[in-house]
Amino acid sequence: MSKNTPFAKEEVMEEYLSSLLRDVEDPAEATARTAKLLEQATVEVPDVTPVVPLPVVEKPVVEKPRERVVAKVSSPDEQVIKDVEEQVAVVAQQQNAAPPNAPALPLEKRLDDKFQALFFEVAGLTLAVPLITLGGIHQLTKLGPLFGKPKWFMGIMLHREEKLSVVDTAQWVMPEKYDQNLADQLNYQYLIMLGDSSWGLASEKLVNTVSLTKADVKWREASSKRPWLAGMVKDKMCALLDVDELIAMLDNGLGSKDQVP
């Protein structure tokens, strides 16, 4: 992947994400606006981005958490995966579990004022998942087809005894830009698992875990037609995902621009 990657220009990426956060009455107008912005962002992007050292997180004295298993990899991202898994375990212990069948709150209400998120890249677009909703990270391996599924469904990946459903993240997030040329450039290597579900987002590159505050995020409006987009991390040109809303949409076979019932 590397040449003519969409979202390479920061100002275009910021405008693209901001347009997603706005509730536009005319869907055709919104799509045309987005397509025009995307056409402007075709610049070369280096093939290799160095992995930024992860912040050190002290573990509290707690009982041994439930083990999360990730695929063993022999790449520069191996340490990223290990550190993320350790931090996820710590966050899980610190987080108060919601009572069964409790009404879902917006992500902004569920997060502490300070929280951590995993940043990863897909087709030049940086996405972020709060660690409290991260289900794990696996190396992407052979996929088995499953017929009758949406175009963004890549297939089933077997991991031990689990069947993981793999989403073509680029096609799901930006279907208006997805074409054969973009598909040929994609180099998916990892699977970002969503919560306790069997859904995983295909990812090209793991970037880092970052400590954020709620003030760092431009949150979406309550009336937004894109519930999967929690907001935009302002200083990093990054889309923050609402994993619970995303899982619900995937369970119902909906794409990012489909209307939620």
C-alpha atoms as a PDB file:
ATOM      1  CA  MET A   1       0.000   0.000   0.000  1.00  0.00           C
ATOM      2  CA  SER A   2       1.411   3.133  -0.345  1.00  0.00           C
ATOM      3  CA  LYS A   3       0.852   5.322  -3.258  1.00  0.00           C
ATOM      4  CA  ASN A   4      -2.075   7.610  -3.871  1.00  0.00           C
ATOM      5  CA  THR A   5      -3.624   6.692  -0.551  1.00  0.00           C
ATOM      6  CA  PRO A   6      -6.866   8.470   0.372  1.00  0.00           C
ATOM      7  CA  PHE A   7      -6.931  10.784   3.399  1.00  0.00           C
ATOM      8  CA  ALA A   8      -3.223  11.590   3.099  1.00  0.00           C
ATOM      9  CA  LYS A   9      -3.735  15.338   3.480  1.00  0.00           C
ATOM     10  CA  GLU A  10      -4.530  16.289   7.072  1.00  0.00           C
ATOM     11  CA  GLU A  11      -6.857  19.146   6.165  1.00  0.00           C
ATOM     12  CA  VAL A  12      -8.873  16.916   3.838  1.00  0.00           C
ATOM     13  CA  MET A  13      -9.055  14.165   6.443  1.00  0.00           C
ATOM     14  CA  GLU A  14     -10.255  16.650   9.062  1.00  0.00           C
ATOM     15  CA  GLU A  15     -12.955  17.956   6.727  1.00  0.00           C
ATOM     16  CA  TYR A  16     -13.958  14.395   5.778  1.00  0.00           C
ATOM     17  CA  LEU A  17     -14.391  13.311   9.405  1.00  0.00           C
ATOM     18  CA  SER A  18     -16.139  16.566  10.300  1.00  0.00           C
ATOM     19  CA  SER A  19     -18.589  16.017   7.452  1.00  0.00           C
ATOM     20  CA  LEU A  20     -19.402  12.575   8.851  1.00  0.00           C
ATOM     21  CA  LEU A  21     -20.158  14.104  12.250  1.00  0.00           C
ATOM     22  CA  ARG A  22     -22.603  16.605  10.757  1.00  0.00           C
ATOM     23  CA  ASP A  23     -26.219  15.588  10.307  1.00  0.00           C
ATOM     24  CA  VAL A  24     -26.919  16.568   6.690  1.00  0.00           C
ATOM     25  CA  GLU A  25     -30.576  16.512   5.642  1.00  0.00           C
ATOM     26  CA  ASP A  26     -29.803  15.600   2.036  1.00  0.00           C
ATOM     27  CA  PRO A  27     -27.837  12.271   1.860  1.00  0.00           C
ATOM     28  CA  ALA A  28     -27.020  12.882  -1.826  1.00  0.00           C
ATOM     29  CA  GLU A  29     -25.482  16.241  -0.978  1.00  0.00           C
ATOM     30  CA  ALA A  30     -23.414  14.647   1.812  1.00  0.00           C
ATOM     31  CA  THR A  31     -22.151  11.878  -0.481  1.00  0.00           C
ATOM     32  CA  ALA A  32     -21.209  14.360  -3.232  1.00  0.00           C
ATOM     33  CA  ARG A  33     -19.402  16.563  -0.721  1.00  0.00           C
ATOM     34  CA  THR A  34     -17.446  13.617   0.655  1.00  0.00           C
ATOM     35  CA  ALA A  35     -16.518  12.296  -2.802  1.00  0.00           C
ATOM     36  CA  LYS A  36     -15.221  15.716  -3.833  1.00  0.00           C
ATOM     37  CA  LEU A  37     -13.038  15.909  -0.728  1.00  0.00           C
ATOM     38  CA  LEU A  38     -11.643  12.442  -1.240  1.00  0.00           C
ATOM     39  CA  GLU A  39     -10.647  13.173  -4.835  1.00  0.00           C
ATOM     40  CA  GLN A  40      -8.348  15.938  -3.564  1.00  0.00           C
ATOM     41  CA  ALA A  41      -6.353  13.663  -1.263  1.00  0.00           C
ATOM     42  CA  THR A  42      -4.003  11.636  -3.437  1.00  0.00           C
ATOM     43  CA  VAL A  43      -0.422  12.057  -2.330  1.00  0.00           C
ATOM     44  CA  GLU A  44       2.345   9.612  -1.700  1.00  0.00           C
ATOM     45  CA  VAL A  45       2.586   8.193   1.789  1.00  0.00           C
ATOM     46  CA  PRO A  46       5.705   6.379   3.053  1.00  0.00           C
ATOM     47  CA  ASP A  47       5.425   2.625   3.205  1.00  0.00           C
ATOM     48  CA  VAL A  48       6.785   2.348   6.726  1.00  0.00           C
ATOM     49  CA  THR A  49       5.726   4.352   9.748  1.00  0.00           C
ATOM     50  CA  PRO A  50       7.836   3.718  12.869  1.00  0.00           C
ATOM     51  CA  VAL A  51       5.904   2.431  15.860  1.00  0.00           C
ATOM     52  CA  VAL A  52       5.844   5.015  18.645  1.00  0.00           C
ATOM     53  CA  PRO A  53       6.891   3.621  22.065  1.00  0.00           C
ATOM     54  CA  LEU A  54       3.876   2.849  24.211  1.00  0.00           C
ATOM     55  CA  PRO A  55       3.281   4.612  27.540  1.00  0.00           C
ATOM     56  CA  VAL A  56       4.079   2.584  30.635  1.00  0.00           C
ATOM     57  CA  VAL A  57       0.979   1.607  32.570  1.00  0.00           C
ATOM     58  CA  GLU A  58       1.396   0.358  36.123  1.00  0.00           C
ATOM     59  CA  LYS A  59      -0.734  -2.651  36.941  1.00  0.00           C
ATOM     60  CA  PRO A  60      -2.793  -2.487  40.135  1.00  0.00           C
ATOM     61  CA  VAL A  61      -2.626  -5.406  42.531  1.00  0.00           C
ATOM     62  CA  VAL A  62      -5.561  -7.497  41.346  1.00  0.00           C
ATOM     63  CA  GLU A  63      -6.418 -11.096  40.770  1.00  0.00           C
ATOM     64  CA  LYS A  64      -5.101 -12.556  37.547  1.00  0.00           C
ATOM     65  CA  PRO A  65      -7.463 -11.383  34.747  1.00  0.00           C
ATOM     66  CA  ARG A  66      -9.009 -13.659  32.203  1.00  0.00           C
ATOM     67  CA  GLU A  67      -6.318 -14.480  29.688  1.00  0.00           C
ATOM     68  CA  ARG A  68      -6.684 -12.905  26.272  1.00  0.00           C
ATOM     69  CA  VAL A  69      -5.011 -14.842  23.517  1.00  0.00           C
ATOM     70  CA  VAL A  70      -3.488 -13.170  20.492  1.00  0.00           C
ATOM     71  CA  ALA A  71      -1.689 -14.720  17.582  1.00  0.00           C
ATOM     72  CA  LYS A  72       2.110 -14.818  17.912  1.00  0.00           C
ATOM     73  CA  VAL A  73       3.701 -12.565  15.347  1.00  0.00           C
ATOM     74  CA  SER A  74       7.289 -11.928  14.398  1.00  0.00           C
ATOM     75  CA  SER A  75       7.123  -8.278  13.374  1.00  0.00           C
ATOM     76  CA  PRO A  76       7.825  -4.853  14.866  1.00  0.00           C
ATOM     77  CA  ASP A  77       4.181  -4.767  15.978  1.00  0.00           C
ATOM     78  CA  GLU A  78       4.584  -7.767  18.284  1.00  0.00           C
ATOM     79  CA  GLN A  79       5.447  -5.578  21.268  1.00  0.00           C
ATOM     80  CA  VAL A  80       2.520  -3.296  20.444  1.00  0.00           C
ATOM     81  CA  ILE A  81       0.141  -6.240  20.661  1.00  0.00           C
ATOM     82  CA  LYS A  82       1.611  -7.495  23.945  1.00  0.00           C
ATOM     83  CA  ASP A  83       1.464  -4.074  25.584  1.00  0.00           C
ATOM     84  CA  VAL A  84      -2.067  -3.428  24.363  1.00  0.00           C
ATOM     85  CA  GLU A  85      -3.261  -6.748  25.755  1.00  0.00           C
ATOM     86  CA  GLU A  86      -1.710  -5.966  29.144  1.00  0.00           C
ATOM     87  CA  GLN A  87      -3.349  -2.540  29.214  1.00  0.00           C
ATOM     88  CA  VAL A  88      -6.727  -3.990  28.200  1.00  0.00           C
ATOM     89  CA  ALA A  89      -6.524  -6.410  31.139  1.00  0.00           C
ATOM     90  CA  VAL A  90      -5.758  -3.543  33.530  1.00  0.00           C
ATOM     91  CA  VAL A  91      -8.606  -1.409  32.193  1.00  0.00           C
ATOM     92  CA  ALA A  92     -11.021  -4.341  32.432  1.00  0.00           C
ATOM     93  CA  GLN A  93     -10.229  -4.732  36.116  1.00  0.00           C
ATOM     94  CA  GLN A  94     -10.690  -1.024  36.802  1.00  0.00           C
ATOM     95  CA  GLN A  95     -13.971  -0.733  34.885  1.00  0.00           C
ATOM     96  CA  ASN A  96     -17.265  -1.249  36.716  1.00  0.00           C
ATOM     97  CA  ALA A  97     -19.419  -3.745  34.816  1.00  0.00           C
ATOM     98  CA  ALA A  98     -22.887  -2.562  33.807  1.00  0.00           C
ATOM     99  CA  PRO A  99     -25.839  -4.563  35.175  1.00  0.00           C
ATOM    100  CA  PRO A 100     -27.470  -7.093  32.808  1.00  0.00           C
ATOM    101  CA  ASN A 101     -29.788  -5.558  30.216  1.00  0.00           C
ATOM    102  CA  ALA A 102     -28.871  -2.050  31.309  1.00  0.00           C
ATOM    103  CA  PRO A 103     -29.810   0.591  28.708  1.00  0.00           C
ATOM    104  CA  ALA A 104     -26.853   1.510  26.524  1.00  0.00           C
ATOM    105  CA  LEU A 105     -25.411   4.974  27.067  1.00  0.00           C
ATOM    106  CA  PRO A 106     -23.522   7.017  24.481  1.00  0.00           C
ATOM    107  CA  LEU A 107     -19.818   6.243  24.489  1.00  0.00           C
ATOM    108  CA  GLU A 108     -19.063   9.726  25.805  1.00  0.00           C
ATOM    109  CA  LYS A 109     -21.096   8.938  28.940  1.00  0.00           C
ATOM    110  CA  ARG A 110     -19.532   5.502  29.441  1.00  0.00           C
ATOM    111  CA  LEU A 111     -15.924   6.625  29.285  1.00  0.00           C
ATOM    112  CA  ASP A 112     -13.975   8.108  32.176  1.00  0.00           C
ATOM    113  CA  ASP A 113     -12.727  11.645  31.636  1.00  0.00           C
ATOM    114  CA  LYS A 114      -9.302  10.121  30.919  1.00  0.00           C
ATOM    115  CA  PHE A 115      -9.192   6.965  28.813  1.00  0.00           C
ATOM    116  CA  GLN A 116      -6.885   5.048  26.502  1.00  0.00           C
ATOM    117  CA  ALA A 117      -7.466   4.057  22.886  1.00  0.00           C
ATOM    118  CA  LEU A 118      -5.735   1.861  20.329  1.00  0.00           C
ATOM    119  CA  PHE A 119      -4.951   3.652  17.075  1.00  0.00           C
ATOM    120  CA  PHE A 120      -4.739   1.640  13.850  1.00  0.00           C
ATOM    121  CA  GLU A 121      -4.648   2.421  10.128  1.00  0.00           C
ATOM    122  CA  VAL A 122      -6.741   1.373   7.151  1.00  0.00           C
ATOM    123  CA  ALA A 123      -6.114   2.831   3.667  1.00  0.00           C
ATOM    124  CA  GLY A 124      -4.426   5.882   5.176  1.00  0.00           C
ATOM    125  CA  LEU A 125      -7.324   6.593   7.548  1.00  0.00           C
ATOM    126  CA  THR A 126      -6.535   6.361  11.270  1.00  0.00           C
ATOM    127  CA  LEU A 127      -9.215   4.809  13.478  1.00  0.00           C
ATOM    128  CA  ALA A 128      -9.291   4.512  17.257  1.00  0.00           C
ATOM    129  CA  VAL A 129     -10.949   1.998  19.580  1.00  0.00           C
ATOM    130  CA  PRO A 130     -11.235   2.696  23.332  1.00  0.00           C
ATOM    131  CA  LEU A 131      -9.442  -0.053  25.244  1.00  0.00           C
ATOM    132  CA  ILE A 132     -12.544  -0.770  27.329  1.00  0.00           C
ATOM    133  CA  THR A 133     -14.261  -1.970  24.131  1.00  0.00           C
ATOM    134  CA  LEU A 134     -11.299  -3.743  22.527  1.00  0.00           C
ATOM    135  CA  GLY A 135     -11.725  -7.504  22.393  1.00  0.00           C
ATOM    136  CA  GLY A 136      -8.164  -8.384  21.352  1.00  0.00           C
ATOM    137  CA  ILE A 137      -5.784  -8.376  18.406  1.00  0.00           C
ATOM    138  CA  HIS A 138      -5.015 -11.299  16.106  1.00  0.00           C
ATOM    139  CA  GLN A 139      -2.753 -11.730  13.138  1.00  0.00           C
ATOM    140  CA  LEU A 140      -4.943 -12.074  10.061  1.00  0.00           C
ATOM    141  CA  THR A 141      -4.699 -15.560   8.551  1.00  0.00           C
ATOM    142  CA  LYS A 142      -6.533 -17.592   5.910  1.00  0.00           C
ATOM    143  CA  LEU A 143     -10.210 -16.762   5.454  1.00  0.00           C
ATOM    144  CA  GLY A 144     -13.064 -19.041   4.510  1.00  0.00           C
ATOM    145  CA  PRO A 145     -15.867 -17.620   2.338  1.00  0.00           C
ATOM    146  CA  LEU A 146     -19.439 -17.400   3.533  1.00  0.00           C
ATOM    147  CA  PHE A 147     -22.066 -16.822   0.863  1.00  0.00           C
ATOM    148  CA  GLY A 148     -25.045 -14.521   1.094  1.00  0.00           C
ATOM    149  CA  LYS A 149     -23.182 -11.857   3.062  1.00  0.00           C
ATOM    150  CA  PRO A 150     -22.671  -8.128   2.286  1.00  0.00           C
ATOM    151  CA  LYS A 151     -19.765  -7.083   0.074  1.00  0.00           C
ATOM    152  CA  TRP A 152     -17.821  -5.766   3.067  1.00  0.00           C
ATOM    153  CA  PHE A 153     -17.820  -9.208   4.696  1.00  0.00           C
ATOM    154  CA  MET A 154     -14.417 -10.750   3.936  1.00  0.00           C
ATOM    155  CA  GLY A 155     -15.040 -14.196   5.408  1.00  0.00           C
ATOM    156  CA  ILE A 156     -14.554 -16.382   8.474  1.00  0.00           C
ATOM    157  CA  MET A 157     -11.200 -16.762  10.192  1.00  0.00           C
ATOM    158  CA  LEU A 158     -10.666 -19.753  12.454  1.00  0.00           C
ATOM    159  CA  HIS A 159      -8.769 -18.977  15.642  1.00  0.00           C
ATOM    160  CA  ARG A 160      -8.432 -22.053  17.851  1.00  0.00           C
ATOM    161  CA  GLU A 161     -12.069 -23.095  18.254  1.00  0.00           C
ATOM    162  CA  GLU A 162     -13.547 -19.685  17.466  1.00  0.00           C
ATOM    163  CA  LYS A 163     -15.051 -18.519  14.174  1.00  0.00           C
ATOM    164  CA  LEU A 164     -14.254 -14.837  13.732  1.00  0.00           C
ATOM    165  CA  SER A 165     -16.174 -12.681  11.241  1.00  0.00           C
ATOM    166  CA  VAL A 166     -13.798 -10.412   9.326  1.00  0.00           C
ATOM    167  CA  VAL A 167     -14.895  -6.985   8.064  1.00  0.00           C
ATOM    168  CA  ASP A 168     -13.223  -5.252   5.123  1.00  0.00           C
ATOM    169  CA  THR A 169     -12.844  -2.036   7.125  1.00  0.00           C
ATOM    170  CA  ALA A 170     -12.030   0.205   4.163  1.00  0.00           C
ATOM    171  CA  GLN A 171     -15.097  -0.951   2.232  1.00  0.00           C
ATOM    172  CA  TRP A 172     -17.354  -0.635   5.291  1.00  0.00           C
ATOM    173  CA  VAL A 173     -16.175   2.803   6.428  1.00  0.00           C
ATOM    174  CA  MET A 174     -15.832   4.513   3.029  1.00  0.00           C
ATOM    175  CA  PRO A 175     -17.846   2.631   0.393  1.00  0.00           C
ATOM    176  CA  GLU A 176     -18.023   5.751  -1.783  1.00  0.00           C
ATOM    177  CA  LYS A 177     -14.255   5.603  -2.318  1.00  0.00           C
ATOM    178  CA  TYR A 178     -13.803   1.840  -2.450  1.00  0.00           C
ATOM    179  CA  ASP A 179     -12.908   0.537  -5.904  1.00  0.00           C
ATOM    180  CA  GLN A 180     -10.647  -2.128  -7.386  1.00  0.00           C
ATOM    181  CA  ASN A 181      -7.635   0.182  -7.325  1.00  0.00           C
ATOM    182  CA  LEU A 182      -8.016   0.784  -3.581  1.00  0.00           C
ATOM    183  CA  ALA A 183      -8.698  -2.896  -2.949  1.00  0.00           C
ATOM    184  CA  ASP A 184      -5.468  -3.855  -4.729  1.00  0.00           C
ATOM    185  CA  GLN A 185      -3.466  -1.485  -2.509  1.00  0.00           C
ATOM    186  CA  LEU A 186      -4.777  -2.824   0.783  1.00  0.00           C
ATOM    187  CA  ASN A 187      -2.429  -4.962   2.855  1.00  0.00           C
ATOM    188  CA  TYR A 188      -4.464  -6.232   5.780  1.00  0.00           C
ATOM    189  CA  GLN A 189      -2.345  -7.884   8.474  1.00  0.00           C
ATOM    190  CA  TYR A 190      -4.282  -7.717  11.739  1.00  0.00           C
ATOM    191  CA  LEU A 191      -7.765  -8.264  13.102  1.00  0.00           C
ATOM    192  CA  ILE A 192      -9.049  -5.778  15.697  1.00  0.00           C
ATOM    193  CA  MET A 193     -11.714  -7.598  17.709  1.00  0.00           C
ATOM    194  CA  LEU A 194     -14.801  -5.660  18.801  1.00  0.00           C
ATOM    195  CA  GLY A 195     -15.732  -6.218  22.445  1.00  0.00           C
ATOM    196  CA  ASP A 196     -16.961  -9.712  23.269  1.00  0.00           C
ATOM    197  CA  SER A 197     -18.435 -10.212  19.799  1.00  0.00           C
ATOM    198  CA  SER A 198     -17.113 -12.404  16.998  1.00  0.00           C
ATOM    199  CA  TRP A 199     -16.662  -9.339  14.755  1.00  0.00           C
ATOM    200  CA  GLY A 200     -13.214  -8.060  13.835  1.00  0.00           C
ATOM    201  CA  LEU A 201     -12.040  -5.114  11.737  1.00  0.00           C
ATOM    202  CA  ALA A 202      -9.236  -5.837   9.273  1.00  0.00           C
ATOM    203  CA  SER A 203      -6.288  -3.502   9.852  1.00  0.00           C
ATOM    204  CA  GLU A 204      -3.149  -2.727   7.882  1.00  0.00           C
ATOM    205  CA  LYS A 205      -1.058  -1.259  10.671  1.00  0.00           C
ATOM    206  CA  LEU A 206      -1.074  -0.917  14.453  1.00  0.00           C
ATOM    207  CA  VAL A 207      -0.009   2.591  15.418  1.00  0.00           C
ATOM    208  CA  ASN A 208      -0.022   3.060  19.177  1.00  0.00           C
ATOM    209  CA  THR A 209      -2.078   3.271  22.330  1.00  0.00           C
ATOM    210  CA  VAL A 210      -2.764   6.855  23.305  1.00  0.00           C
ATOM    211  CA  SER A 211      -4.057   8.447  26.516  1.00  0.00           C
ATOM    212  CA  LEU A 212      -6.935  10.820  25.769  1.00  0.00           C
ATOM    213  CA  THR A 213      -9.382  13.026  27.630  1.00  0.00           C
ATOM    214  CA  LYS A 214     -12.969  13.694  26.632  1.00  0.00           C
ATOM    215  CA  ALA A 215     -11.954  17.247  25.767  1.00  0.00           C
ATOM    216  CA  ASP A 216      -9.638  15.838  23.082  1.00  0.00           C
ATOM    217  CA  VAL A 217     -12.657  14.553  21.140  1.00  0.00           C
ATOM    218  CA  LYS A 218     -15.170  16.397  18.993  1.00  0.00           C
ATOM    219  CA  TRP A 219     -18.191  14.249  19.849  1.00  0.00           C
ATOM    220  CA  ARG A 220     -20.931  13.514  17.345  1.00  0.00           C
ATOM    221  CA  GLU A 221     -24.333  15.079  17.776  1.00  0.00           C
ATOM    222  CA  ALA A 222     -27.046  12.941  19.334  1.00  0.00           C
ATOM    223  CA  SER A 223     -29.104  13.148  16.138  1.00  0.00           C
ATOM    224  CA  SER A 224     -26.248  11.942  13.929  1.00  0.00           C
ATOM    225  CA  LYS A 225     -27.130   9.342  11.313  1.00  0.00           C
ATOM    226  CA  ARG A 226     -23.804   7.579  11.923  1.00  0.00           C
ATOM    227  CA  PRO A 227     -24.018   6.092  15.431  1.00  0.00           C
ATOM    228  CA  TRP A 228     -20.852   4.033  14.851  1.00  0.00           C
ATOM    229  CA  LEU A 229     -18.794   7.247  14.747  1.00  0.00           C
ATOM    230  CA  ALA A 230     -18.427   8.423  18.346  1.00  0.00           C
ATOM    231  CA  GLY A 231     -16.413  11.468  17.367  1.00  0.00           C
ATOM    232  CA  MET A 232     -13.136  12.783  16.030  1.00  0.00           C
ATOM    233  CA  VAL A 233      -9.889  13.013  17.983  1.00  0.00           C
ATOM    234  CA  LYS A 234      -9.172  16.622  17.085  1.00  0.00           C
ATOM    235  CA  ASP A 235      -5.377  16.812  17.243  1.00  0.00           C
ATOM    236  CA  LYS A 236      -4.760  13.456  15.553  1.00  0.00           C
ATOM    237  CA  MET A 237      -7.201  13.497  12.614  1.00  0.00           C
ATOM    238  CA  CYS A 238      -8.624  10.213  13.861  1.00  0.00           C
ATOM    239  CA  ALA A 239     -12.125   8.710  13.944  1.00  0.00           C
ATOM    240  CA  LEU A 240     -13.136   7.336  17.347  1.00  0.00           C
ATOM    241  CA  LEU A 241     -15.385   4.276  17.006  1.00  0.00           C
ATOM    242  CA  ASP A 242     -18.405   3.488  19.170  1.00  0.00           C
ATOM    243  CA  VAL A 243     -17.903  -0.271  19.257  1.00  0.00           C
ATOM    244  CA  ASP A 244     -21.302  -1.162  20.738  1.00  0.00           C
ATOM    245  CA  GLU A 245     -23.131   0.723  17.985  1.00  0.00           C
ATOM    246  CA  LEU A 246     -20.806  -0.767  15.386  1.00  0.00           C
ATOM    247  CA  ILE A 247     -21.474  -4.313  16.580  1.00  0.00           C
ATOM    248  CA  ALA A 248     -25.232  -3.717  16.444  1.00  0.00           C
ATOM    249  CA  MET A 249     -24.980  -2.490  12.848  1.00  0.00           C
ATOM    250  CA  LEU A 250     -22.798  -5.427  11.776  1.00  0.00           C
ATOM    251  CA  ASP A 251     -25.186  -7.893  13.430  1.00  0.00           C
ATOM    252  CA  ASN A 252     -27.956  -6.435  11.272  1.00  0.00           C
ATOM    253  CA  GLY A 253     -25.890  -6.510   8.071  1.00  0.00           C
ATOM    254  CA  LEU A 254     -25.771  -2.709   7.845  1.00  0.00           C
ATOM    255  CA  GLY A 255     -23.039  -0.654   6.205  1.00  0.00           C
ATOM    256  CA  SER A 256     -21.681   2.620   7.588  1.00  0.00           C
ATOM    257  CA  LYS A 257     -24.115   4.728   5.570  1.00  0.00           C
ATOM    258  CA  ASP A 258     -27.203   2.549   6.061  1.00  0.00           C
ATOM    259  CA  GLN A 259     -30.028   3.888   8.201  1.00  0.00           C
ATOM    260  CA  VAL A 260     -30.355   2.225  11.609  1.00  0.00           C
ATOM    261  CA  PRO A 261     -33.925   1.045  12.239  1.00  0.00           C
END
